[in-house]
Amino acid sequence: MINNYAWTSTVTGATAGLTLIAASPAVEANPIADIHGTAPIAAEPRDRVRAAMANSSGRFPSEAFDLYRIGGSRSQSLHDLAIAVAVHELATTPDWTRLLDHIVFFAELGLDGTLRPGPPEVITTAVRAAANTRFRYAVVAASDDDRYLDTVDGITIITAATLGKVLDWLALLNTSEPGPIPTPRRTAEQPTPQTRSTTLAQHVEALRTDRLL
């Protein structure tokens, strides 16, 4: 059974395939390793994520653990945020674990814990695929110009600048089970007149008003 995980996507050209990042304590017989299409996460992204977590509020397990990618033809830097969420989840067993089947994460991590936006066409492809698969939220890196995200309907897009902000947002969502998909609305930490954005706190309050939280 996979208990600690986060969803992301592997983008190849104009298509995106769902990818699961799974973290588990290192044990002699690990059933995750026997799942078809499983590949271990390489040392480079593991080290990058560990540095980012050390410079944010993320927690790294104190004991050895295994980290796998299930699905997706190859590893991509946009998997970093999902790796960090899965690792933090393994280390802390947070209340928001049960919400992760409704959320997909796409962002590279800087060593300082910042989220780095990917190419607009790649992010758009990944988020649109998540919307078509009925995920409720897509979490991506904030950027100076993210108007391209307005072309995606059917999913709430959360933009964040740092890993710490993502973990703070997850903590705000853990009050109850998610309800139906809300009216799509872009959400950002720093709203600007050019975008139809709300702050993270306003977003959570709107969901509570709509009785979705």
C-alpha atoms as a PDB file:
ATOM      1  CA  MET A   1       0.000   0.000   0.000  1.00  0.00           C
ATOM      2  CA  ILE A   2       1.280   3.467  -0.907  1.00  0.00           C
ATOM      3  CA  ASN A   3       0.718   5.779   2.053  1.00  0.00           C
ATOM      4  CA  ASN A   4       2.938   8.762   1.243  1.00  0.00           C
ATOM      5  CA  TYR A   5       2.698  10.216  -2.227  1.00  0.00           C
ATOM      6  CA  ALA A   6       2.008  13.253  -4.393  1.00  0.00           C
ATOM      7  CA  TRP A   7       0.735  13.577  -7.949  1.00  0.00           C
ATOM      8  CA  THR A   8       2.545  15.339 -10.760  1.00  0.00           C
ATOM      9  CA  SER A   9       2.718  14.915 -14.523  1.00  0.00           C
ATOM     10  CA  THR A  10       5.298  14.023 -17.148  1.00  0.00           C
ATOM     11  CA  VAL A  11       4.981  16.194 -20.244  1.00  0.00           C
ATOM     12  CA  THR A  12       6.175  14.923 -23.623  1.00  0.00           C
ATOM     13  CA  GLY A  13       5.460  17.274 -26.489  1.00  0.00           C
ATOM     14  CA  ALA A  14       1.765  18.133 -26.450  1.00  0.00           C
ATOM     15  CA  THR A  15       0.748  15.290 -24.134  1.00  0.00           C
ATOM     16  CA  ALA A  16       0.955  14.823 -20.361  1.00  0.00           C
ATOM     17  CA  GLY A  17       0.795  11.601 -18.394  1.00  0.00           C
ATOM     18  CA  LEU A  18      -0.028  11.440 -14.705  1.00  0.00           C
ATOM     19  CA  THR A  19       2.936  10.488 -12.535  1.00  0.00           C
ATOM     20  CA  LEU A  20       2.891   9.441  -8.890  1.00  0.00           C
ATOM     21  CA  ILE A  21       5.805  10.208  -6.564  1.00  0.00           C
ATOM     22  CA  ALA A  22       5.873   7.709  -3.688  1.00  0.00           C
ATOM     23  CA  ALA A  23       7.984   7.812  -0.526  1.00  0.00           C
ATOM     24  CA  SER A  24       8.301   4.971   1.979  1.00  0.00           C
ATOM     25  CA  PRO A  25      10.620   3.895   4.815  1.00  0.00           C
ATOM     26  CA  ALA A  26      13.552   1.817   3.605  1.00  0.00           C
ATOM     27  CA  VAL A  27      12.677  -1.801   4.325  1.00  0.00           C
ATOM     28  CA  GLU A  28      14.036  -5.091   3.137  1.00  0.00           C
ATOM     29  CA  ALA A  29      11.003  -5.919   0.986  1.00  0.00           C
ATOM     30  CA  ASN A  30       9.356  -2.859  -0.516  1.00  0.00           C
ATOM     31  CA  PRO A  31       6.143  -3.607  -2.474  1.00  0.00           C
ATOM     32  CA  ILE A  32       6.327  -0.249  -4.278  1.00  0.00           C
ATOM     33  CA  ALA A  33       9.468  -1.368  -6.097  1.00  0.00           C
ATOM     34  CA  ASP A  34       7.554  -4.248  -7.682  1.00  0.00           C
ATOM     35  CA  ILE A  35       4.874  -2.046  -9.262  1.00  0.00           C
ATOM     36  CA  HIS A  36       5.107  -1.991 -13.063  1.00  0.00           C
ATOM     37  CA  GLY A  37       6.572   1.254 -14.375  1.00  0.00           C
ATOM     38  CA  THR A  38       8.307   2.160 -11.109  1.00  0.00           C
ATOM     39  CA  ALA A  39      11.664   3.954 -11.225  1.00  0.00           C
ATOM     40  CA  PRO A  40      13.758   5.205  -8.285  1.00  0.00           C
ATOM     41  CA  ILE A  41      14.257   8.970  -8.002  1.00  0.00           C
ATOM     42  CA  ALA A  42      17.852   9.788  -8.936  1.00  0.00           C
ATOM     43  CA  ALA A  43      20.395  11.402  -6.606  1.00  0.00           C
ATOM     44  CA  GLU A  44      20.353  14.826  -8.329  1.00  0.00           C
ATOM     45  CA  PRO A  45      16.665  15.672  -7.758  1.00  0.00           C
ATOM     46  CA  ARG A  46      16.816  14.124  -4.280  1.00  0.00           C
ATOM     47  CA  ASP A  47      19.730  16.399  -3.360  1.00  0.00           C
ATOM     48  CA  ARG A  48      18.028  19.432  -4.908  1.00  0.00           C
ATOM     49  CA  VAL A  49      14.833  18.769  -2.973  1.00  0.00           C
ATOM     50  CA  ARG A  50      16.733  18.156   0.271  1.00  0.00           C
ATOM     51  CA  ALA A  51      18.504  21.522  -0.043  1.00  0.00           C
ATOM     52  CA  ALA A  52      15.207  23.279  -0.788  1.00  0.00           C
ATOM     53  CA  MET A  53      13.574  21.698   2.238  1.00  0.00           C
ATOM     54  CA  ALA A  54      16.485  22.674   4.481  1.00  0.00           C
ATOM     55  CA  ASN A  55      15.893  26.296   3.437  1.00  0.00           C
ATOM     56  CA  SER A  56      12.134  26.208   4.039  1.00  0.00           C
ATOM     57  CA  SER A  57       9.653  24.755   6.502  1.00  0.00           C
ATOM     58  CA  GLY A  58       9.857  21.333   4.878  1.00  0.00           C
ATOM     59  CA  ARG A  59      10.801  18.335   7.006  1.00  0.00           C
ATOM     60  CA  PHE A  60      13.167  15.598   5.843  1.00  0.00           C
ATOM     61  CA  PRO A  61      12.874  12.073   7.331  1.00  0.00           C
ATOM     62  CA  SER A  62      15.487  11.264   9.962  1.00  0.00           C
ATOM     63  CA  GLU A  63      15.726   7.638   8.830  1.00  0.00           C
ATOM     64  CA  ALA A  64      16.521   6.109   5.448  1.00  0.00           C
ATOM     65  CA  PHE A  65      13.682   6.025   2.944  1.00  0.00           C
ATOM     66  CA  ASP A  66      12.930   4.999  -0.615  1.00  0.00           C
ATOM     67  CA  LEU A  67      11.629   7.393  -3.245  1.00  0.00           C
ATOM     68  CA  TYR A  68      10.013   6.279  -6.497  1.00  0.00           C
ATOM     69  CA  ARG A  69       8.385   7.632  -9.617  1.00  0.00           C
ATOM     70  CA  ILE A  70       5.438   5.554 -10.830  1.00  0.00           C
ATOM     71  CA  GLY A  71       4.392   6.315 -14.397  1.00  0.00           C
ATOM     72  CA  GLY A  72       5.911   8.824 -16.774  1.00  0.00           C
ATOM     73  CA  SER A  73       8.572   7.981 -19.307  1.00  0.00           C
ATOM     74  CA  ARG A  74      11.334   9.950 -17.578  1.00  0.00           C
ATOM     75  CA  SER A  75      12.224  12.145 -14.647  1.00  0.00           C
ATOM     76  CA  GLN A  76      11.602  15.889 -15.049  1.00  0.00           C
ATOM     77  CA  SER A  77      12.601  18.876 -12.920  1.00  0.00           C
ATOM     78  CA  LEU A  78       8.913  19.849 -12.688  1.00  0.00           C
ATOM     79  CA  HIS A  79       8.483  16.764 -10.474  1.00  0.00           C
ATOM     80  CA  ASP A  80      10.513  18.485  -7.717  1.00  0.00           C
ATOM     81  CA  LEU A  81       7.556  19.989  -5.871  1.00  0.00           C
ATOM     82  CA  ALA A  82       5.690  16.667  -5.778  1.00  0.00           C
ATOM     83  CA  ILE A  83       8.856  14.969  -4.480  1.00  0.00           C
ATOM     84  CA  ALA A  84       9.146  17.550  -1.702  1.00  0.00           C
ATOM     85  CA  VAL A  85       5.493  17.140  -0.708  1.00  0.00           C
ATOM     86  CA  ALA A  86       5.785  13.334  -0.585  1.00  0.00           C
ATOM     87  CA  VAL A  87       8.998  13.482   1.471  1.00  0.00           C
ATOM     88  CA  HIS A  88       7.579  16.065   3.898  1.00  0.00           C
ATOM     89  CA  GLU A  89       4.457  13.924   4.230  1.00  0.00           C
ATOM     90  CA  LEU A  90       6.559  10.863   5.116  1.00  0.00           C
ATOM     91  CA  ALA A  91       8.442  12.840   7.768  1.00  0.00           C
ATOM     92  CA  THR A  92       5.432  14.475   9.415  1.00  0.00           C
ATOM     93  CA  THR A  93       2.237  12.441   8.651  1.00  0.00           C
ATOM     94  CA  PRO A  94       0.167  15.655   8.286  1.00  0.00           C
ATOM     95  CA  ASP A  95      -3.621  15.835   8.384  1.00  0.00           C
ATOM     96  CA  TRP A  96      -3.759  16.925   4.744  1.00  0.00           C
ATOM     97  CA  THR A  97      -2.522  13.539   3.470  1.00  0.00           C
ATOM     98  CA  ARG A  98      -6.104  12.507   2.644  1.00  0.00           C
ATOM     99  CA  LEU A  99      -6.507  15.497   0.322  1.00  0.00           C
ATOM    100  CA  LEU A 100      -3.625  14.631  -2.005  1.00  0.00           C
ATOM    101  CA  ASP A 101      -5.751  12.667  -4.474  1.00  0.00           C
ATOM    102  CA  HIS A 102      -7.346  16.007  -5.394  1.00  0.00           C
ATOM    103  CA  ILE A 103      -4.133  17.998  -5.964  1.00  0.00           C
ATOM    104  CA  VAL A 104      -1.396  17.884  -8.597  1.00  0.00           C
ATOM    105  CA  PHE A 105       1.978  19.675  -8.298  1.00  0.00           C
ATOM    106  CA  PHE A 106       4.164  21.110 -11.097  1.00  0.00           C
ATOM    107  CA  ALA A 107       7.283  23.129 -10.214  1.00  0.00           C
ATOM    108  CA  GLU A 108      11.051  22.889 -10.105  1.00  0.00           C
ATOM    109  CA  LEU A 109      12.658  23.781  -6.778  1.00  0.00           C
ATOM    110  CA  GLY A 110      15.588  26.114  -6.318  1.00  0.00           C
ATOM    111  CA  LEU A 111      18.152  25.222  -3.652  1.00  0.00           C
ATOM    112  CA  ASP A 112      16.832  28.132  -1.564  1.00  0.00           C
ATOM    113  CA  GLY A 113      13.297  26.707  -1.481  1.00  0.00           C
ATOM    114  CA  THR A 114      11.855  28.931  -4.210  1.00  0.00           C
ATOM    115  CA  LEU A 115       9.591  27.527  -6.914  1.00  0.00           C
ATOM    116  CA  ARG A 116      10.801  27.972 -10.481  1.00  0.00           C
ATOM    117  CA  PRO A 117       8.193  28.269 -13.238  1.00  0.00           C
ATOM    118  CA  GLY A 118       8.515  25.991 -16.208  1.00  0.00           C
ATOM    119  CA  PRO A 119       7.891  26.836 -19.871  1.00  0.00           C
ATOM    120  CA  PRO A 120       4.307  28.154 -20.273  1.00  0.00           C
ATOM    121  CA  GLU A 121       3.398  25.569 -22.901  1.00  0.00           C
ATOM    122  CA  VAL A 122       4.586  22.721 -20.652  1.00  0.00           C
ATOM    123  CA  ILE A 123       2.714  23.994 -17.592  1.00  0.00           C
ATOM    124  CA  THR A 124      -0.442  24.603 -19.630  1.00  0.00           C
ATOM    125  CA  THR A 125      -0.328  21.064 -21.025  1.00  0.00           C
ATOM    126  CA  ALA A 126       0.164  19.572 -17.561  1.00  0.00           C
ATOM    127  CA  VAL A 127      -2.566  21.630 -15.882  1.00  0.00           C
ATOM    128  CA  ARG A 128      -5.077  20.996 -18.659  1.00  0.00           C
ATOM    129  CA  ALA A 129      -4.456  17.248 -18.389  1.00  0.00           C
ATOM    130  CA  ALA A 130      -5.024  17.453 -14.624  1.00  0.00           C
ATOM    131  CA  ALA A 131      -8.303  19.313 -15.193  1.00  0.00           C
ATOM    132  CA  ASN A 132      -9.437  16.641 -17.643  1.00  0.00           C
ATOM    133  CA  THR A 133      -8.683  13.990 -15.000  1.00  0.00           C
ATOM    134  CA  ARG A 134     -10.896  15.807 -12.480  1.00  0.00           C
ATOM    135  CA  PHE A 135      -8.217  17.031 -10.088  1.00  0.00           C
ATOM    136  CA  ARG A 136      -9.508  19.990  -8.075  1.00  0.00           C
ATOM    137  CA  TYR A 137      -6.245  21.919  -7.676  1.00  0.00           C
ATOM    138  CA  ALA A 138      -3.016  22.408  -9.620  1.00  0.00           C
ATOM    139  CA  VAL A 139      -0.121  24.005  -7.741  1.00  0.00           C
ATOM    140  CA  VAL A 140       2.466  25.777  -9.917  1.00  0.00           C
ATOM    141  CA  ALA A 141       5.230  28.336  -9.485  1.00  0.00           C
ATOM    142  CA  ALA A 142       4.324  32.011  -9.473  1.00  0.00           C
ATOM    143  CA  SER A 143       5.774  34.028 -12.345  1.00  0.00           C
ATOM    144  CA  ASP A 144       5.785  37.648 -13.494  1.00  0.00           C
ATOM    145  CA  ASP A 145       3.385  36.853 -16.328  1.00  0.00           C
ATOM    146  CA  ASP A 146       1.111  33.859 -15.814  1.00  0.00           C
ATOM    147  CA  ARG A 147      -1.793  35.007 -17.966  1.00  0.00           C
ATOM    148  CA  TYR A 148      -1.383  31.861 -20.049  1.00  0.00           C
ATOM    149  CA  LEU A 149      -2.992  29.971 -17.136  1.00  0.00           C
ATOM    150  CA  ASP A 150      -6.257  31.787 -17.856  1.00  0.00           C
ATOM    151  CA  THR A 151      -6.707  29.499 -20.873  1.00  0.00           C
ATOM    152  CA  VAL A 152      -7.287  26.468 -18.611  1.00  0.00           C
ATOM    153  CA  ASP A 153     -10.776  25.823 -17.233  1.00  0.00           C
ATOM    154  CA  GLY A 154     -12.189  23.272 -14.806  1.00  0.00           C
ATOM    155  CA  ILE A 155      -9.512  23.419 -12.113  1.00  0.00           C
ATOM    156  CA  THR A 156      -8.391  25.865  -9.417  1.00  0.00           C
ATOM    157  CA  ILE A 157      -4.797  26.948 -10.024  1.00  0.00           C
ATOM    158  CA  ILE A 158      -2.680  27.849  -7.013  1.00  0.00           C
ATOM    159  CA  THR A 159       0.466  29.874  -7.727  1.00  0.00           C
ATOM    160  CA  ALA A 160       3.129  30.042  -5.027  1.00  0.00           C
ATOM    161  CA  ALA A 161       6.619  31.501  -4.766  1.00  0.00           C
ATOM    162  CA  THR A 162       8.152  29.063  -2.273  1.00  0.00           C
ATOM    163  CA  LEU A 163       7.879  25.535  -0.958  1.00  0.00           C
ATOM    164  CA  GLY A 164       7.034  26.946   2.469  1.00  0.00           C
ATOM    165  CA  LYS A 165       4.000  28.762   1.035  1.00  0.00           C
ATOM    166  CA  VAL A 166       2.776  25.544  -0.566  1.00  0.00           C
ATOM    167  CA  LEU A 167       3.026  23.683   2.746  1.00  0.00           C
ATOM    168  CA  ASP A 168       1.206  26.551   4.494  1.00  0.00           C
ATOM    169  CA  TRP A 169      -1.594  26.330   1.913  1.00  0.00           C
ATOM    170  CA  LEU A 170      -1.895  22.565   2.380  1.00  0.00           C
ATOM    171  CA  ALA A 171      -2.228  23.100   6.131  1.00  0.00           C
ATOM    172  CA  LEU A 172      -5.148  25.478   5.486  1.00  0.00           C
ATOM    173  CA  LEU A 173      -6.930  22.856   3.389  1.00  0.00           C
ATOM    174  CA  ASN A 174      -6.934  20.079   5.976  1.00  0.00           C
ATOM    175  CA  THR A 175     -10.129  21.062   7.777  1.00  0.00           C
ATOM    176  CA  SER A 176     -12.468  18.729   5.889  1.00  0.00           C
ATOM    177  CA  GLU A 177     -12.913  16.551   2.833  1.00  0.00           C
ATOM    178  CA  PRO A 178     -13.026  18.425  -0.497  1.00  0.00           C
ATOM    179  CA  GLY A 179     -16.459  18.879  -2.038  1.00  0.00           C
ATOM    180  CA  PRO A 180     -17.386  19.296  -5.707  1.00  0.00           C
ATOM    181  CA  ILE A 181     -15.016  21.126  -8.013  1.00  0.00           C
ATOM    182  CA  PRO A 182     -15.507  24.869  -7.342  1.00  0.00           C
ATOM    183  CA  THR A 183     -15.894  27.553  -9.969  1.00  0.00           C
ATOM    184  CA  PRO A 184     -12.397  27.811 -11.463  1.00  0.00           C
ATOM    185  CA  ARG A 185     -10.473  30.736 -10.073  1.00  0.00           C
ATOM    186  CA  ARG A 186      -6.801  31.598 -10.288  1.00  0.00           C
ATOM    187  CA  THR A 187      -5.151  32.021  -6.908  1.00  0.00           C
ATOM    188  CA  ALA A 188      -1.893  33.853  -6.226  1.00  0.00           C
ATOM    189  CA  GLU A 189       0.102  35.117  -3.278  1.00  0.00           C
ATOM    190  CA  GLN A 190       0.580  38.566  -4.798  1.00  0.00           C
ATOM    191  CA  PRO A 191      -2.568  39.615  -6.691  1.00  0.00           C
ATOM    192  CA  THR A 192      -2.162  42.213  -9.408  1.00  0.00           C
ATOM    193  CA  PRO A 193      -4.729  44.298 -11.331  1.00  0.00           C
ATOM    194  CA  GLN A 194      -3.893  42.398 -14.505  1.00  0.00           C
ATOM    195  CA  THR A 195      -4.981  39.000 -13.169  1.00  0.00           C
ATOM    196  CA  ARG A 196      -8.189  37.652 -11.648  1.00  0.00           C
ATOM    197  CA  SER A 197      -6.459  36.498  -8.470  1.00  0.00           C
ATOM    198  CA  THR A 198      -7.175  36.218  -4.773  1.00  0.00           C
ATOM    199  CA  THR A 199      -4.849  35.647  -1.861  1.00  0.00           C
ATOM    200  CA  LEU A 200      -4.488  32.159  -0.419  1.00  0.00           C
ATOM    201  CA  ALA A 201      -6.449  33.191   2.685  1.00  0.00           C
ATOM    202  CA  GLN A 202      -9.254  34.646   0.565  1.00  0.00           C
ATOM    203  CA  HIS A 203      -9.339  31.468  -1.486  1.00  0.00           C
ATOM    204  CA  VAL A 204      -9.799  29.267   1.575  1.00  0.00           C
ATOM    205  CA  GLU A 205     -12.470  31.615   2.944  1.00  0.00           C
ATOM    206  CA  ALA A 206     -14.318  31.466  -0.385  1.00  0.00           C
ATOM    207  CA  LEU A 207     -14.327  27.673  -0.254  1.00  0.00           C
ATOM    208  CA  ARG A 208     -15.689  27.755   3.287  1.00  0.00           C
ATOM    209  CA  THR A 209     -18.419  30.196   2.215  1.00  0.00           C
ATOM    210  CA  ASP A 210     -19.324  27.862  -0.645  1.00  0.00           C
ATOM    211  CA  ARG A 211     -19.420  25.005   1.911  1.00  0.00           C
ATOM    212  CA  LEU A 212     -16.622  23.239   0.055  1.00  0.00           C
ATOM    213  CA  LEU A 213     -14.381  23.311   3.119  1.00  0.00           C
END
